[in-house]
Amino acid sequence: MDAGIFARQLTEAPGNLTAGISTDPGDIDQIAGARVLSFADADYLTGDAGFEITAPDRSQLQVTILQRALPRT
C-alpha cells in the first residue's frame, strides 16, 4: 500500500458523507460544504502524504498519512 494513494482515497470520504452514505445525519451536517485539498494541491512544503479539510465554519483539520514500512519486493 502506498501512503500517497491511501491519502487520495481518504479525500473522497467527505464527499461520500455529503452524498448520504453515512448512517449518522450529524456527520453530514458537520462536513457539508467542506473543501478538501491534498497537501500537494495546497502547496504544503512537505513530503508527507495527507490532506486538509476546511469546514464551512472555517475550522481546519489536517490528516497526515505516515507509512511506517515499505512492502517487500
C-alpha atoms as a PDB file:
ATOM      1  CA  MET A   1       0.000   0.000   0.000  1.00  0.00           C
ATOM      2  CA  ASP A   2       1.267   3.474  -0.875  1.00  0.00           C
ATOM      3  CA  ALA A   3       0.674   6.333   1.600  1.00  0.00           C
ATOM      4  CA  GLY A   4       0.010   8.868  -1.183  1.00  0.00           C
ATOM      5  CA  ILE A   5      -2.615   6.687  -2.839  1.00  0.00           C
ATOM      6  CA  PHE A   6      -4.274   5.992   0.513  1.00  0.00           C
ATOM      7  CA  ALA A   7      -4.401   9.716   1.317  1.00  0.00           C
ATOM      8  CA  ARG A   8      -6.007  10.482  -2.058  1.00  0.00           C
ATOM      9  CA  GLN A   9      -8.638   7.820  -1.414  1.00  0.00           C
ATOM     10  CA  LEU A  10      -9.407   9.301   2.012  1.00  0.00           C
ATOM     11  CA  THR A  11     -10.023  12.733   0.476  1.00  0.00           C
ATOM     12  CA  GLU A  12     -13.182  11.239  -1.050  1.00  0.00           C
ATOM     13  CA  ALA A  13     -14.688  10.494   2.386  1.00  0.00           C
ATOM     14  CA  PRO A  14     -16.276  13.950   2.932  1.00  0.00           C
ATOM     15  CA  GLY A  15     -17.950  13.728  -0.477  1.00  0.00           C
ATOM     16  CA  ASN A  16     -19.316  10.328   0.430  1.00  0.00           C
ATOM     17  CA  LEU A  17     -20.717  11.728   3.670  1.00  0.00           C
ATOM     18  CA  THR A  18     -22.495  14.591   1.930  1.00  0.00           C
ATOM     19  CA  ALA A  19     -23.850  12.142  -0.648  1.00  0.00           C
ATOM     20  CA  GLY A  20     -25.700  10.468   2.204  1.00  0.00           C
ATOM     21  CA  ILE A  21     -23.549   7.384   2.528  1.00  0.00           C
ATOM     22  CA  SER A  22     -23.116   7.940   6.283  1.00  0.00           C
ATOM     23  CA  THR A  23     -25.718   6.430   8.592  1.00  0.00           C
ATOM     24  CA  ASP A  24     -25.442   9.352  11.033  1.00  0.00           C
ATOM     25  CA  PRO A  25     -27.089  12.577   9.739  1.00  0.00           C
ATOM     26  CA  GLY A  26     -24.965  14.585  12.184  1.00  0.00           C
ATOM     27  CA  ASP A  27     -21.880  13.618  10.201  1.00  0.00           C
ATOM     28  CA  ILE A  28     -23.357  15.190   7.098  1.00  0.00           C
ATOM     29  CA  ASP A  29     -24.269  18.452   8.844  1.00  0.00           C
ATOM     30  CA  GLN A  30     -20.706  18.981  10.015  1.00  0.00           C
ATOM     31  CA  ILE A  31     -18.965  18.250   6.707  1.00  0.00           C
ATOM     32  CA  ALA A  32     -21.421  19.539   4.081  1.00  0.00           C
ATOM     33  CA  GLY A  33     -19.722  22.251   2.032  1.00  0.00           C
ATOM     34  CA  ALA A  34     -16.229  21.385   3.256  1.00  0.00           C
ATOM     35  CA  ARG A  35     -13.242  21.902   0.986  1.00  0.00           C
ATOM     36  CA  VAL A  36     -10.692  19.107   0.795  1.00  0.00           C
ATOM     37  CA  LEU A  37      -7.213  19.645  -0.620  1.00  0.00           C
ATOM     38  CA  SER A  38      -4.269  17.266  -0.696  1.00  0.00           C
ATOM     39  CA  PHE A  39      -1.056  18.621   0.779  1.00  0.00           C
ATOM     40  CA  ALA A  40       0.351  18.722  -2.765  1.00  0.00           C
ATOM     41  CA  ASP A  41      -2.649  20.673  -4.114  1.00  0.00           C
ATOM     42  CA  ALA A  42      -2.452  23.064  -1.150  1.00  0.00           C
ATOM     43  CA  ASP A  43       1.268  23.643  -1.890  1.00  0.00           C
ATOM     44  CA  TYR A  44       2.405  22.457   1.550  1.00  0.00           C
ATOM     45  CA  LEU A  45       6.175  22.309   1.855  1.00  0.00           C
ATOM     46  CA  THR A  46       6.229  18.682   2.947  1.00  0.00           C
ATOM     47  CA  GLY A  47       6.948  15.296   1.506  1.00  0.00           C
ATOM     48  CA  ASP A  48       4.238  13.772   3.711  1.00  0.00           C
ATOM     49  CA  ALA A  49       1.083  12.324   2.213  1.00  0.00           C
ATOM     50  CA  GLY A  50      -2.113  13.843   3.544  1.00  0.00           C
ATOM     51  CA  PHE A  51      -4.838  16.400   3.128  1.00  0.00           C
ATOM     52  CA  GLU A  52      -6.504  19.404   4.717  1.00  0.00           C
ATOM     53  CA  ILE A  53     -10.234  19.793   5.290  1.00  0.00           C
ATOM     54  CA  THR A  54     -11.686  23.287   5.691  1.00  0.00           C
ATOM     55  CA  ALA A  55     -15.229  23.211   7.065  1.00  0.00           C
ATOM     56  CA  PRO A  56     -17.857  25.855   6.283  1.00  0.00           C
ATOM     57  CA  ASP A  57     -17.275  27.398   9.744  1.00  0.00           C
ATOM     58  CA  ARG A  58     -13.620  27.873   8.649  1.00  0.00           C
ATOM     59  CA  SER A  59     -12.252  25.325  11.093  1.00  0.00           C
ATOM     60  CA  GLN A  60      -9.493  23.193   9.622  1.00  0.00           C
ATOM     61  CA  LEU A  61      -8.296  19.649  10.086  1.00  0.00           C
ATOM     62  CA  GLN A  62      -5.123  18.175   8.680  1.00  0.00           C
ATOM     63  CA  VAL A  63      -4.654  14.459   8.193  1.00  0.00           C
ATOM     64  CA  THR A  64      -1.134  13.136   7.666  1.00  0.00           C
ATOM     65  CA  ILE A  65      -0.550   9.580   6.483  1.00  0.00           C
ATOM     66  CA  LEU A  66       2.758   8.134   7.634  1.00  0.00           C
ATOM     67  CA  GLN A  67       3.978   4.925   6.080  1.00  0.00           C
ATOM     68  CA  ARG A  68       5.976   3.006   8.669  1.00  0.00           C
ATOM     69  CA  ALA A  69       7.157   0.160   6.491  1.00  0.00           C
ATOM     70  CA  LEU A  70       7.515  -0.390   2.786  1.00  0.00           C
ATOM     71  CA  PRO A  71       6.297  -3.590   1.154  1.00  0.00           C
ATOM     72  CA  ARG A  72       8.896  -6.236   0.473  1.00  0.00           C
ATOM     73  CA  THR A  73       9.810  -6.594  -3.162  1.00  0.00           C
END
